[in-house]
């Protein structure tokens, strides 16, 4: 969770300046752009596993995280609230998907 926190803080700090639905749309565009760059990097590296298997799972997850972040900011007025919630959710999902057994 701590490793993802800087990304979520930066994302929320950049996109939460707009009011209302523009803030949500900006967040979706920002996160989609980040995923597109990652997908492009995997295509260039020749690893299509990420693009074919992992990406279809991550796209809805990132959209859900954006909605959670947007609502947390709307309710609290703090950029950090949504970022911490997103980092905790992401950390939990990563830990449950890749356990240290």
C-alpha atoms as a PDB file:
ATOM      1  CA  UNK A   1       0.000   0.000   0.000  1.00  0.00           C
ATOM      2  CA  UNK A   2       2.836   2.401   0.801  1.00  0.00           C
ATOM      3  CA  UNK A   3       4.410   1.884  -2.612  1.00  0.00           C
ATOM      4  CA  UNK A   4       1.202   2.878  -4.428  1.00  0.00           C
ATOM      5  CA  UNK A   5       0.461   5.868  -2.185  1.00  0.00           C
ATOM      6  CA  UNK A   6       2.678   8.377  -4.092  1.00  0.00           C
ATOM      7  CA  UNK A   7       0.894   7.555  -7.371  1.00  0.00           C
ATOM      8  CA  UNK A   8      -2.542   8.032  -5.844  1.00  0.00           C
ATOM      9  CA  UNK A   9      -1.565  11.250  -4.035  1.00  0.00           C
ATOM     10  CA  UNK A  10      -0.098  12.672  -7.258  1.00  0.00           C
ATOM     11  CA  UNK A  11      -3.145  11.635  -9.278  1.00  0.00           C
ATOM     12  CA  UNK A  12      -5.594  13.176  -6.840  1.00  0.00           C
ATOM     13  CA  UNK A  13      -3.520  16.341  -6.455  1.00  0.00           C
ATOM     14  CA  UNK A  14      -3.504  16.845 -10.223  1.00  0.00           C
ATOM     15  CA  UNK A  15      -7.145  16.099 -11.016  1.00  0.00           C
ATOM     16  CA  UNK A  16      -9.074  17.350  -7.993  1.00  0.00           C
ATOM     17  CA  UNK A  17      -8.771  21.040  -8.918  1.00  0.00           C
ATOM     18  CA  UNK A  18     -11.812  20.907 -11.191  1.00  0.00           C
ATOM     19  CA  UNK A  19     -15.346  21.059  -9.843  1.00  0.00           C
ATOM     20  CA  UNK A  20     -17.977  18.341 -10.049  1.00  0.00           C
ATOM     21  CA  UNK A  21     -18.033  15.867 -12.873  1.00  0.00           C
ATOM     22  CA  UNK A  22     -14.989  17.485 -14.518  1.00  0.00           C
ATOM     23  CA  UNK A  23     -12.901  16.235 -11.601  1.00  0.00           C
ATOM     24  CA  UNK A  24     -14.141  12.678 -12.105  1.00  0.00           C
ATOM     25  CA  UNK A  25     -13.627  12.842 -15.873  1.00  0.00           C
ATOM     26  CA  UNK A  26     -10.105  14.238 -15.416  1.00  0.00           C
ATOM     27  CA  UNK A  27      -9.268  11.401 -13.052  1.00  0.00           C
ATOM     28  CA  UNK A  28     -10.551   8.781 -15.472  1.00  0.00           C
ATOM     29  CA  UNK A  29      -8.528  10.297 -18.327  1.00  0.00           C
ATOM     30  CA  UNK A  30      -5.396  10.523 -16.152  1.00  0.00           C
ATOM     31  CA  UNK A  31      -5.652   6.899 -15.011  1.00  0.00           C
ATOM     32  CA  UNK A  32      -6.493   5.666 -18.528  1.00  0.00           C
ATOM     33  CA  UNK A  33      -3.408   7.460 -19.812  1.00  0.00           C
ATOM     34  CA  UNK A  34      -1.234   5.822 -17.161  1.00  0.00           C
ATOM     35  CA  UNK A  35      -2.618   2.392 -18.063  1.00  0.00           C
ATOM     36  CA  UNK A  36      -2.117   3.071 -21.769  1.00  0.00           C
ATOM     37  CA  UNK A  37       1.545   3.892 -21.178  1.00  0.00           C
ATOM     38  CA  UNK A  38       2.031   0.716 -19.151  1.00  0.00           C
ATOM     39  CA  UNK A  39       0.273  -1.353 -21.824  1.00  0.00           C
ATOM     40  CA  UNK A  40       2.444   0.211 -24.525  1.00  0.00           C
ATOM     41  CA  UNK A  41       5.573  -0.587 -22.524  1.00  0.00           C
ATOM     42  CA  UNK A  42       4.556  -4.239 -22.302  1.00  0.00           C
ATOM     43  CA  UNK A  43       3.812  -4.391 -26.039  1.00  0.00           C
ATOM     44  CA  UNK A  44       7.210  -2.896 -26.860  1.00  0.00           C
ATOM     45  CA  UNK A  45       8.877  -5.368 -24.471  1.00  0.00           C
ATOM     46  CA  UNK A  46       7.102  -8.228 -26.242  1.00  0.00           C
ATOM     47  CA  UNK A  47       5.116  -9.386 -23.203  1.00  0.00           C
ATOM     48  CA  UNK A  48       1.502  -9.581 -24.317  1.00  0.00           C
ATOM     49  CA  UNK A  49       0.410 -11.474 -21.177  1.00  0.00           C
ATOM     50  CA  UNK A  50      -0.176  -8.185 -19.379  1.00  0.00           C
ATOM     51  CA  UNK A  51      -2.215  -6.721 -22.217  1.00  0.00           C
ATOM     52  CA  UNK A  52      -4.333  -9.807 -22.800  1.00  0.00           C
ATOM     53  CA  UNK A  53      -4.875 -11.110 -19.254  1.00  0.00           C
ATOM     54  CA  UNK A  54      -4.104  -8.475 -16.654  1.00  0.00           C
ATOM     55  CA  UNK A  55      -5.261  -5.280 -18.390  1.00  0.00           C
ATOM     56  CA  UNK A  56      -8.942  -6.324 -18.711  1.00  0.00           C
ATOM     57  CA  UNK A  57      -8.985  -6.789 -14.928  1.00  0.00           C
ATOM     58  CA  UNK A  58      -7.119  -3.592 -14.089  1.00  0.00           C
ATOM     59  CA  UNK A  59      -9.221  -1.214 -16.212  1.00  0.00           C
ATOM     60  CA  UNK A  60     -12.469  -1.717 -14.243  1.00  0.00           C
ATOM     61  CA  UNK A  61     -10.470  -1.682 -11.010  1.00  0.00           C
ATOM     62  CA  UNK A  62      -8.921   1.686 -11.851  1.00  0.00           C
ATOM     63  CA  UNK A  63     -12.337   3.073 -12.769  1.00  0.00           C
ATOM     64  CA  UNK A  64     -13.723   1.873  -9.433  1.00  0.00           C
ATOM     65  CA  UNK A  65     -10.761   3.384  -7.591  1.00  0.00           C
ATOM     66  CA  UNK A  66     -11.368   6.705  -9.354  1.00  0.00           C
ATOM     67  CA  UNK A  67     -14.989   6.732  -8.240  1.00  0.00           C
ATOM     68  CA  UNK A  68     -13.949   5.934  -4.654  1.00  0.00           C
ATOM     69  CA  UNK A  69     -11.323   8.671  -4.742  1.00  0.00           C
ATOM     70  CA  UNK A  70     -13.744  11.199  -6.210  1.00  0.00           C
ATOM     71  CA  UNK A  71     -16.371  10.437  -3.566  1.00  0.00           C
ATOM     72  CA  UNK A  72     -13.823  10.536  -0.733  1.00  0.00           C
ATOM     73  CA  UNK A  73     -12.647  13.961  -1.892  1.00  0.00           C
ATOM     74  CA  UNK A  74     -16.215  15.188  -2.238  1.00  0.00           C
ATOM     75  CA  UNK A  75     -17.101  14.011   1.278  1.00  0.00           C
ATOM     76  CA  UNK A  76     -13.926  15.137   3.071  1.00  0.00           C
ATOM     77  CA  UNK A  77     -12.414  17.862   0.880  1.00  0.00           C
ATOM     78  CA  UNK A  78      -9.007  16.217   1.363  1.00  0.00           C
ATOM     79  CA  UNK A  79      -6.897  14.815  -1.444  1.00  0.00           C
ATOM     80  CA  UNK A  80      -5.153  12.525   1.016  1.00  0.00           C
ATOM     81  CA  UNK A  81      -8.365  10.716   2.051  1.00  0.00           C
ATOM     82  CA  UNK A  82      -9.025   9.232  -1.385  1.00  0.00           C
ATOM     83  CA  UNK A  83      -5.356   8.475  -1.959  1.00  0.00           C
ATOM     84  CA  UNK A  84      -5.050   6.537   1.299  1.00  0.00           C
ATOM     85  CA  UNK A  85      -8.242   4.584   0.615  1.00  0.00           C
ATOM     86  CA  UNK A  86      -7.039   3.734  -2.900  1.00  0.00           C
ATOM     87  CA  UNK A  87      -3.613   2.698  -1.611  1.00  0.00           C
ATOM     88  CA  UNK A  88      -5.163   0.442   1.035  1.00  0.00           C
ATOM     89  CA  UNK A  89      -7.501  -1.208  -1.488  1.00  0.00           C
ATOM     90  CA  UNK A  90      -4.673  -1.700  -3.974  1.00  0.00           C
ATOM     91  CA  UNK A  91      -2.322  -3.027  -1.297  1.00  0.00           C
ATOM     92  CA  UNK A  92      -4.948  -5.500  -0.126  1.00  0.00           C
ATOM     93  CA  UNK A  93      -5.629  -6.671  -3.696  1.00  0.00           C
ATOM     94  CA  UNK A  94      -1.923  -7.097  -4.443  1.00  0.00           C
ATOM     95  CA  UNK A  95      -1.324  -8.964  -1.184  1.00  0.00           C
ATOM     96  CA  UNK A  96      -4.247 -11.301  -1.824  1.00  0.00           C
ATOM     97  CA  UNK A  97      -3.275 -11.902  -5.460  1.00  0.00           C
ATOM     98  CA  UNK A  98       0.435 -12.446  -4.761  1.00  0.00           C
ATOM     99  CA  UNK A  99       0.752 -13.836  -1.210  1.00  0.00           C
ATOM    100  CA  UNK A 100       4.158 -14.393   0.360  1.00  0.00           C
ATOM    101  CA  UNK A 101       3.791 -18.084   1.086  1.00  0.00           C
END
